[in-house]
Amino acid sequence: MSYHTLNQYLQEVSSVLDEYDGDGFARLVSFNDPHVANSKLQSENAIGSCRRFFDSPYDEIIAAHLRACWCVANRDFGEAHNSQVATVHAFVRAFQVQKDENWALPIMYTLILDLRRFADKAEQIVLSSGKGRKGDTLETAAEVVMSCFRVCASDGRSSVDVSKKWGMLFLVNQLFKIYFRIGKLHLCKPLIRAIESNNIKDKFTLAQRVTYKFYVGRKAMFDSDYKMADEFLSFAFKNCHSSCKKNLKLIMTYLVPVKMLLGSLPPKSILERYGLEQYGNIANAIRTGNVQQFNETLGSNESLFIKTGVYLILEKLRAVVLRTLLKRVSELLNTHQVPLQSFQSALEMQGISDIDMDETECLVAGLIYSGNIRGYISHQHKKLVISKKNAFPPVLTTT
């Protein structure tokens, strides 16, 4: 609808509010709606006009929204973020006094999404200008989102239909996006506990559950809980809509390293389908024991692996590459008493020329300790004595 005057817009807002139309109200405070580009609705200070139509705090909600429209029109995203913070604060005051009803959930979804987007833009400005402290804007946004989460989580009504708890997973996902951005993953733990103990955790929308599983899977990966990471990331991948190519690739960016750590190498076709060819050489190095290829791949893709947060995860695969190389040496010599010098020579052939016998022994000892090899080192004879039965426990399968 095209509004010719501010009063016309305010009258429509009042109408949907009288009808408890959460979707309608949400549209009228959404920055995805065309009304935000209407110059007649871009007001630096509209509180006086809003008070003629609404009681508190709805007058503050709309006045702050109109100020945010004015800020966006002037490309001032820092102030737009501040105005959106004021909008959400006023909304929370209205939301928490609503009894036996959750019609306002769509409004909360819209306000929080716009808040996080403004925080992202404001953060980019801070980073590019060098003015302000990194992460402050996003932390402020997180605190505001948390205020909504507390209202939803504390709803103790027995009737599920009108419970505000339906908004919890959406808010948790928004907090995850912020916490991962600012590197405060420890703050995710109580949120995960709140969702896992929720009696409607399996009834949230599939889209929300996919997002939740993705972030919890990533956190499990960083916590070295690879089985949980595999479970959650696999759920996200299997249930992500096939048209969401970008999201599928993002999930696979983390799922593939986790799978490889658990001994499952991805086929080349999967990597090509999602544009993850950089993992192909890693997988081949693991399969063949090619330490040189492993090192070169990590080095050439270092910036990408660090940016996505998988570098240290991939580095842990070095032990599997070394295990494969040592297994090939033992098979070539056809003995269960492998001279450490032979392994050292194999490493030197792989481009590792600055390694001595002590370092070679340490590498082999690490492989034994981690369970990649069954055996022991005879220091007197400088040999690795491997078990005659299943000396190299199987670790590789194909996804």
Protein backbone atom coordinates (compact mmCIF):
# COMPACT_ATOMS: atom_id res chain seq x y z
CA MET A 1 0.00 0.00 0.00
CA SER A 2 1.23 3.50 -0.83
CA TYR A 3 0.79 5.98 2.01
CA HIS A 4 0.15 9.62 1.13
CA THR A 5 0.42 10.83 4.72
CA LEU A 6 1.95 9.68 7.99
CA ASN A 7 -1.50 9.54 9.57
CA GLN A 8 -2.66 7.09 6.92
CA TYR A 9 0.17 4.72 7.88
CA LEU A 10 -0.51 5.17 11.60
CA GLN A 11 -4.21 4.43 11.09
CA GLU A 12 -3.40 1.12 9.39
CA VAL A 13 -0.98 0.16 12.18
CA SER A 14 -3.71 0.97 14.71
CA SER A 15 -6.18 -1.18 12.77
CA VAL A 16 -4.00 -4.31 12.71
CA LEU A 17 -3.13 -3.76 16.36
CA ASP A 18 -6.81 -3.66 17.32
CA GLU A 19 -7.26 -7.00 15.52
CA TYR A 20 -4.21 -8.57 17.21
CA ASP A 21 -2.90 -9.24 13.71
CA GLY A 22 0.72 -10.16 14.37
CA ASP A 23 1.55 -10.81 10.72
CA GLY A 24 -0.01 -7.53 9.64
CA PHE A 25 1.82 -5.54 12.32
CA ALA A 26 5.07 -7.32 11.47
CA ARG A 27 4.76 -6.25 7.84
CA LEU A 28 4.27 -2.63 8.89
CA VAL A 29 7.51 -2.59 10.90
CA SER A 30 9.58 -4.67 8.48
CA PHE A 31 12.44 -3.21 6.46
CA ASN A 32 11.56 -5.64 3.70
CA ASP A 33 8.30 -3.76 3.16
CA PRO A 34 8.13 -0.92 0.57
CA HIS A 35 6.81 1.59 3.13
CA VAL A 36 10.34 2.13 4.51
CA ALA A 37 11.28 3.96 1.29
CA ASN A 38 8.35 6.39 1.60
CA SER A 39 9.80 9.79 2.48
CA LYS A 40 6.57 10.76 4.30
CA LEU A 41 7.23 7.98 6.83
CA GLN A 42 10.88 8.82 7.44
CA SER A 43 10.70 10.86 10.61
CA GLU A 44 13.49 11.79 12.99
CA ASN A 45 11.01 12.34 15.81
CA ALA A 46 7.44 11.07 15.38
CA ILE A 47 6.62 10.32 19.02
CA GLY A 48 4.06 13.14 19.21
CA SER A 49 2.10 11.83 16.23
CA CYS A 50 2.33 8.24 17.48
CA ARG A 51 0.93 9.15 20.90
CA ARG A 52 -2.29 10.30 19.26
CA PHE A 53 -2.84 6.78 17.91
CA PHE A 54 -1.27 4.38 20.40
CA ASP A 55 -0.83 3.75 24.09
CA SER A 56 2.62 3.11 25.51
CA PRO A 57 4.76 1.23 24.57
CA TYR A 58 3.31 0.86 21.06
CA ASP A 59 3.79 4.58 20.45
CA GLU A 60 7.50 4.08 21.18
CA ILE A 61 7.70 1.02 18.91
CA ILE A 62 6.34 2.88 15.90
CA ALA A 63 8.20 6.14 16.62
CA ALA A 64 11.51 4.25 16.90
CA HIS A 65 10.73 2.35 13.70
CA LEU A 66 10.04 5.58 11.79
CA ARG A 67 13.29 7.03 13.11
CA ALA A 68 15.12 3.92 11.89
CA CYS A 69 13.54 4.52 8.45
CA TRP A 70 14.89 8.08 8.56
CA CYS A 71 18.35 6.81 9.53
CA VAL A 72 18.43 4.29 6.70
CA ALA A 73 17.37 6.98 4.21
CA ASN A 74 20.37 9.00 5.41
CA ARG A 75 22.69 5.94 5.24
CA ASP A 76 23.37 6.17 8.96
CA PHE A 77 23.32 2.49 9.89
CA GLY A 78 24.87 3.07 13.30
CA GLU A 79 21.91 5.20 14.32
CA ALA A 80 19.54 2.85 12.48
CA HIS A 81 20.86 0.08 14.74
CA ASN A 82 20.35 2.24 17.84
CA SER A 83 16.78 3.03 16.75
CA GLN A 84 16.08 -0.65 16.13
CA VAL A 85 17.41 -1.43 19.61
CA ALA A 86 14.89 1.09 20.99
CA THR A 87 12.15 -0.54 18.90
CA VAL A 88 12.87 -3.99 20.33
CA HIS A 89 13.18 -2.70 23.91
CA ALA A 90 9.73 -1.13 23.63
CA PHE A 91 8.35 -4.31 22.04
CA VAL A 92 9.68 -6.45 24.90
CA ARG A 93 7.75 -4.34 27.40
CA ALA A 94 4.56 -5.00 25.47
CA PHE A 95 5.39 -8.66 24.80
CA GLN A 96 6.06 -9.67 28.39
CA VAL A 97 2.70 -8.42 29.70
CA GLN A 98 0.65 -10.29 27.10
CA LYS A 99 -1.03 -13.12 28.96
CA ASP A 100 -2.19 -16.39 27.42
CA GLU A 101 -1.36 -15.22 23.92
CA ASN A 102 1.54 -15.32 21.49
CA TRP A 103 0.10 -13.47 18.52
CA ALA A 104 3.05 -11.05 18.62
CA LEU A 105 5.68 -13.70 17.75
CA PRO A 106 5.75 -12.69 14.03
CA ILE A 107 6.49 -9.11 15.14
CA MET A 108 9.40 -10.32 17.25
CA TYR A 109 10.81 -12.35 14.35
CA THR A 110 10.74 -9.32 12.05
CA LEU A 111 12.21 -6.88 14.56
CA ILE A 112 15.05 -9.23 15.54
CA LEU A 113 15.98 -10.06 11.96
CA ASP A 114 16.22 -6.35 11.11
CA LEU A 115 18.15 -5.70 14.30
CA ARG A 116 20.81 -8.27 13.44
CA ARG A 117 21.11 -6.99 9.89
CA PHE A 118 21.59 -3.42 11.10
CA ALA A 119 24.15 -4.65 13.63
CA ASP A 120 26.06 -6.40 10.82
CA LYS A 121 26.09 -3.25 8.70
CA ALA A 122 27.09 -1.06 11.63
CA GLU A 123 29.88 -3.51 12.50
CA GLN A 124 31.20 -3.33 8.94
CA ILE A 125 31.33 0.46 9.19
CA VAL A 126 33.25 0.22 12.48
CA LEU A 127 35.77 -2.18 10.95
CA SER A 128 36.28 -0.10 7.81
CA SER A 129 36.56 3.23 9.63
CA GLY A 130 38.63 2.02 12.56
CA LYS A 131 36.38 3.99 14.89
CA GLY A 132 34.88 2.08 17.77
CA ARG A 133 35.69 -1.31 19.24
CA LYS A 134 35.25 -4.47 17.20
CA GLY A 135 32.22 -6.50 18.25
CA ASP A 136 30.56 -3.85 20.44
CA THR A 137 27.57 -3.36 18.12
CA LEU A 138 27.00 -7.09 17.74
CA GLU A 139 27.27 -7.63 21.50
CA THR A 140 24.64 -4.96 22.05
CA ALA A 141 22.38 -6.69 19.54
CA ALA A 142 22.95 -10.02 21.32
CA GLU A 143 21.90 -8.50 24.65
CA VAL A 144 18.68 -7.23 23.07
CA VAL A 145 17.95 -10.61 21.48
CA MET A 146 18.58 -12.23 24.85
CA SER A 147 15.94 -10.01 26.45
CA CYS A 148 13.39 -11.52 24.05
CA PHE A 149 14.71 -15.02 24.72
CA ARG A 150 14.17 -14.61 28.47
CA VAL A 151 10.53 -13.66 27.92
CA CYS A 152 9.95 -16.71 25.70
CA ALA A 153 11.88 -19.15 27.89
CA SER A 154 10.11 -18.05 31.08
CA ASP A 155 6.63 -18.67 29.68
CA GLY A 156 5.27 -21.39 31.94
CA ARG A 157 1.80 -21.77 30.44
CA SER A 158 0.60 -25.34 30.09
CA SER A 159 -1.14 -24.64 26.78
CA VAL A 160 1.39 -25.17 24.00
CA ASP A 161 -0.75 -23.37 21.43
CA VAL A 162 -0.38 -19.96 23.08
CA SER A 163 3.10 -20.48 24.48
CA LYS A 164 5.81 -17.95 23.70
CA LYS A 165 8.31 -20.83 23.80
CA TRP A 166 7.68 -21.27 20.08
CA GLY A 167 9.97 -18.29 19.61
CA MET A 168 12.92 -19.78 21.48
CA LEU A 169 14.65 -21.63 18.66
CA PHE A 170 14.44 -18.68 16.29
CA LEU A 171 16.11 -16.47 18.91
CA VAL A 172 18.76 -19.07 19.72
CA ASN A 173 19.67 -19.27 16.03
CA GLN A 174 20.03 -15.48 15.85
CA LEU A 175 22.26 -15.54 18.94
CA PHE A 176 24.36 -18.34 17.42
CA LYS A 177 24.96 -16.23 14.32
CA ILE A 178 26.19 -13.36 16.49
CA TYR A 179 28.27 -15.45 18.90
CA PHE A 180 30.04 -17.26 16.07
CA ARG A 181 30.73 -13.92 14.43
CA ILE A 182 32.36 -12.44 17.56
CA GLY A 183 34.02 -15.67 18.68
CA LYS A 184 32.10 -16.23 21.93
CA LEU A 185 31.07 -19.83 21.46
CA HIS A 186 31.08 -20.50 25.21
CA LEU A 187 27.88 -18.45 25.41
CA CYS A 188 26.13 -21.05 23.25
CA LYS A 189 26.22 -23.76 25.92
CA PRO A 190 23.30 -22.54 28.11
CA LEU A 191 21.23 -21.89 24.98
CA ILE A 192 21.80 -25.45 23.76
CA ARG A 193 20.83 -26.77 27.18
CA ALA A 194 17.62 -24.71 27.11
CA ILE A 195 16.62 -26.09 23.72
CA GLU A 196 17.56 -29.71 24.43
CA SER A 197 15.46 -29.68 27.60
CA ASN A 198 12.48 -28.13 25.81
CA ASN A 199 9.50 -30.45 25.40
CA ILE A 200 8.72 -29.01 21.95
CA LYS A 201 12.27 -29.19 20.58
CA ASP A 202 11.22 -31.65 17.84
CA LYS A 203 8.16 -29.58 16.88
CA PHE A 204 9.91 -26.41 15.77
CA THR A 205 9.89 -25.78 12.03
CA LEU A 206 12.31 -27.90 10.03
CA ALA A 207 14.09 -24.79 8.74
CA GLN A 208 14.78 -23.63 12.30
CA ARG A 209 15.98 -27.08 13.33
CA VAL A 210 18.33 -27.28 10.35
CA THR A 211 19.93 -23.95 11.31
CA TYR A 212 20.17 -25.04 14.95
CA LYS A 213 21.76 -28.39 14.10
CA PHE A 214 24.27 -26.66 11.81
CA TYR A 215 25.54 -24.32 14.51
CA VAL A 216 25.54 -26.92 17.29
CA GLY A 217 27.36 -29.30 14.95
CA ARG A 218 30.00 -26.65 14.27
CA LYS A 219 30.42 -26.00 17.98
CA ALA A 220 30.78 -29.74 18.65
CA MET A 221 33.47 -29.85 15.97
CA PHE A 222 35.43 -27.06 17.69
CA ASP A 223 34.96 -28.91 21.00
CA SER A 224 36.47 -32.07 19.40
CA ASP A 225 33.20 -33.98 19.84
CA TYR A 226 33.31 -35.33 16.30
CA LYS A 227 30.56 -37.93 16.65
CA MET A 228 28.10 -35.27 17.80
CA ALA A 229 29.35 -32.93 15.07
CA ASP A 230 28.77 -35.67 12.49
CA GLU A 231 25.25 -36.35 13.78
CA PHE A 232 24.14 -32.72 13.84
CA LEU A 233 25.81 -31.61 10.61
CA SER A 234 24.50 -34.71 8.81
CA PHE A 235 20.96 -33.84 9.96
CA ALA A 236 21.39 -30.30 8.69
CA PHE A 237 22.68 -31.51 5.32
CA LYS A 238 20.01 -34.18 4.79
CA ASN A 239 17.17 -31.81 5.70
CA CYS A 240 18.41 -28.63 4.03
CA HIS A 241 16.27 -27.81 1.00
CA SER A 242 17.90 -28.94 -2.24
CA SER A 243 17.47 -25.46 -3.77
CA CYS A 244 19.63 -23.88 -1.06
CA LYS A 245 22.94 -24.57 -2.81
CA LYS A 246 24.88 -21.99 -0.81
CA ASN A 247 23.71 -23.46 2.50
CA LEU A 248 24.42 -27.01 1.39
CA LYS A 249 27.97 -26.03 0.47
CA LEU A 250 28.40 -24.28 3.82
CA ILE A 251 27.27 -27.38 5.72
CA MET A 252 29.57 -29.61 3.69
CA THR A 253 32.50 -27.26 4.37
CA TYR A 254 32.39 -28.51 7.97
CA LEU A 255 30.88 -31.97 7.51
CA VAL A 256 33.63 -33.20 5.16
CA PRO A 257 36.52 -32.56 7.61
CA VAL A 258 34.51 -34.17 10.42
CA LYS A 259 33.82 -37.22 8.25
CA MET A 260 37.50 -37.50 7.38
CA LEU A 261 38.48 -37.33 11.05
CA LEU A 262 36.08 -40.19 11.67
CA GLY A 263 37.71 -42.17 8.86
CA SER A 264 35.25 -41.57 6.03
CA LEU A 265 36.73 -40.09 2.86
CA PRO A 266 34.43 -38.21 0.46
CA PRO A 267 34.18 -39.32 -3.17
CA LYS A 268 35.43 -36.86 -5.76
CA SER A 269 31.93 -36.42 -7.22
CA ILE A 270 30.60 -35.04 -3.92
CA LEU A 271 33.41 -32.51 -3.64
CA GLU A 272 32.92 -31.36 -7.24
CA ARG A 273 29.16 -31.03 -6.77
CA TYR A 274 29.58 -28.56 -3.93
CA GLY A 275 32.71 -26.78 -5.12
CA LEU A 276 34.94 -28.22 -2.41
CA GLU A 277 37.75 -29.53 -4.59
CA GLN A 278 40.31 -28.22 -2.08
CA TYR A 279 39.44 -31.22 0.10
CA GLY A 280 40.21 -33.63 -2.74
CA ASN A 281 43.99 -33.48 -2.32
CA ILE A 282 43.62 -33.84 1.46
CA ALA A 283 41.58 -36.99 0.96
CA ASN A 284 44.06 -38.35 -1.58
CA ALA A 285 46.99 -37.65 0.76
CA ILE A 286 45.21 -39.57 3.53
CA ARG A 287 44.42 -42.44 1.19
CA THR A 288 47.99 -42.77 -0.18
CA GLY A 289 50.12 -41.52 2.71
CA ASN A 290 51.43 -38.61 0.65
CA VAL A 291 52.75 -36.26 3.33
CA GLN A 292 54.14 -33.83 0.77
CA GLN A 293 50.76 -33.44 -0.94
CA PHE A 294 49.09 -32.95 2.44
CA ASN A 295 51.52 -30.19 3.44
CA GLU A 296 51.29 -28.44 0.09
CA THR A 297 47.48 -28.49 0.12
CA LEU A 298 47.30 -27.09 3.64
CA GLY A 299 49.77 -24.39 2.68
CA SER A 300 48.14 -23.32 -0.58
CA ASN A 301 44.66 -23.18 1.00
CA GLU A 302 45.75 -21.87 4.39
CA SER A 303 43.85 -18.57 4.24
CA LEU A 304 40.62 -20.31 3.18
CA PHE A 305 40.91 -23.02 5.82
CA ILE A 306 41.63 -20.47 8.54
CA LYS A 307 38.75 -18.25 7.44
CA THR A 308 36.28 -21.12 7.61
CA GLY A 309 37.75 -22.34 10.90
CA VAL A 310 38.73 -25.82 9.71
CA TYR A 311 42.52 -25.45 9.53
CA LEU A 312 43.24 -26.94 12.96
CA ILE A 313 40.72 -29.71 12.29
CA LEU A 314 42.47 -30.64 9.06
CA GLU A 315 45.86 -30.45 10.78
CA LYS A 316 44.71 -33.31 13.02
CA LEU A 317 44.50 -35.49 9.91
CA ARG A 318 48.29 -35.39 9.60
CA ALA A 319 48.50 -38.40 11.93
CA VAL A 320 46.32 -40.44 9.56
CA VAL A 321 48.55 -39.52 6.61
CA LEU A 322 51.65 -40.58 8.55
CA ARG A 323 49.93 -43.82 9.58
CA THR A 324 49.19 -44.65 5.96
CA LEU A 325 52.77 -43.92 4.93
CA LEU A 326 54.16 -46.11 7.72
CA LYS A 327 51.79 -48.90 6.75
CA ARG A 328 53.02 -48.75 3.16
CA VAL A 329 56.64 -48.94 4.37
CA SER A 330 55.88 -52.02 6.49
CA GLU A 331 54.07 -53.69 3.58
CA LEU A 332 56.96 -52.93 1.24
CA LEU A 333 59.48 -54.43 3.67
CA ASN A 334 57.09 -57.29 4.52
CA THR A 335 58.10 -57.36 8.18
CA HIS A 336 56.58 -56.68 11.57
CA GLN A 337 59.88 -55.14 12.72
CA VAL A 338 60.13 -51.90 10.77
CA PRO A 339 63.47 -50.05 10.97
CA LEU A 340 62.79 -46.46 11.99
CA GLN A 341 65.46 -45.45 9.49
CA SER A 342 63.22 -46.77 6.70
CA PHE A 343 60.36 -44.59 7.87
CA GLN A 344 62.68 -41.60 8.15
CA SER A 345 63.89 -42.21 4.61
CA ALA A 346 60.29 -42.36 3.39
CA LEU A 347 59.62 -39.01 5.06
CA GLU A 348 62.71 -37.52 3.44
CA MET A 349 61.45 -38.72 0.06
CA GLN A 350 58.22 -36.84 0.84
CA GLY A 351 60.14 -33.59 1.13
CA ILE A 352 60.66 -33.65 4.92
CA SER A 353 64.44 -33.36 4.87
CA ASP A 354 65.03 -31.69 8.25
CA ILE A 355 63.94 -34.60 10.44
CA ASP A 356 66.33 -36.60 12.64
CA MET A 357 65.95 -39.98 14.34
CA ASP A 358 64.69 -38.52 17.63
CA GLU A 359 61.93 -36.66 15.81
CA THR A 360 61.08 -39.77 13.85
CA GLU A 361 60.72 -41.74 17.09
CA CYS A 362 58.44 -39.02 18.47
CA LEU A 363 56.20 -39.20 15.40
CA VAL A 364 55.91 -42.98 15.67
CA ALA A 365 55.31 -42.80 19.42
CA GLY A 366 52.49 -40.34 18.78
CA LEU A 367 50.90 -42.70 16.29
CA ILE A 368 51.05 -45.54 18.81
CA TYR A 369 49.63 -43.38 21.61
CA SER A 370 46.74 -42.17 19.44
CA GLY A 371 45.81 -45.74 18.49
CA ASN A 372 46.70 -45.40 14.83
CA ILE A 373 49.26 -48.20 15.19
CA ARG A 374 49.40 -51.24 17.47
CA GLY A 375 52.94 -51.93 18.52
CA TYR A 376 55.92 -50.57 20.42
CA ILE A 377 59.31 -48.99 19.74
CA SER A 378 62.49 -50.95 20.39
CA HIS A 379 64.83 -48.10 21.19
CA GLN A 380 67.81 -50.44 21.41
CA HIS A 381 67.36 -51.68 17.86
CA LYS A 382 65.74 -48.49 16.49
CA LYS A 383 62.77 -50.44 15.22
CA LEU A 384 59.01 -50.28 15.37
CA VAL A 385 57.66 -53.67 16.39
CA ILE A 386 54.09 -53.86 15.16
CA SER A 387 51.43 -56.33 16.15
CA LYS A 388 51.22 -59.41 13.97
CA LYS A 389 47.46 -59.08 14.04
CA ASN A 390 45.65 -55.92 12.89
CA ALA A 391 48.70 -53.65 13.39
CA PHE A 392 46.97 -50.81 11.54
CA PRO A 393 43.33 -50.62 12.71
CA PRO A 394 41.06 -49.67 9.80
CA VAL A 395 40.11 -46.00 9.79
CA LEU A 396 39.04 -45.33 6.20
CA THR A 397 35.67 -45.87 4.56
CA THR A 398 33.90 -44.09 1.72
CA THR A 399 30.90 -41.80 2.20
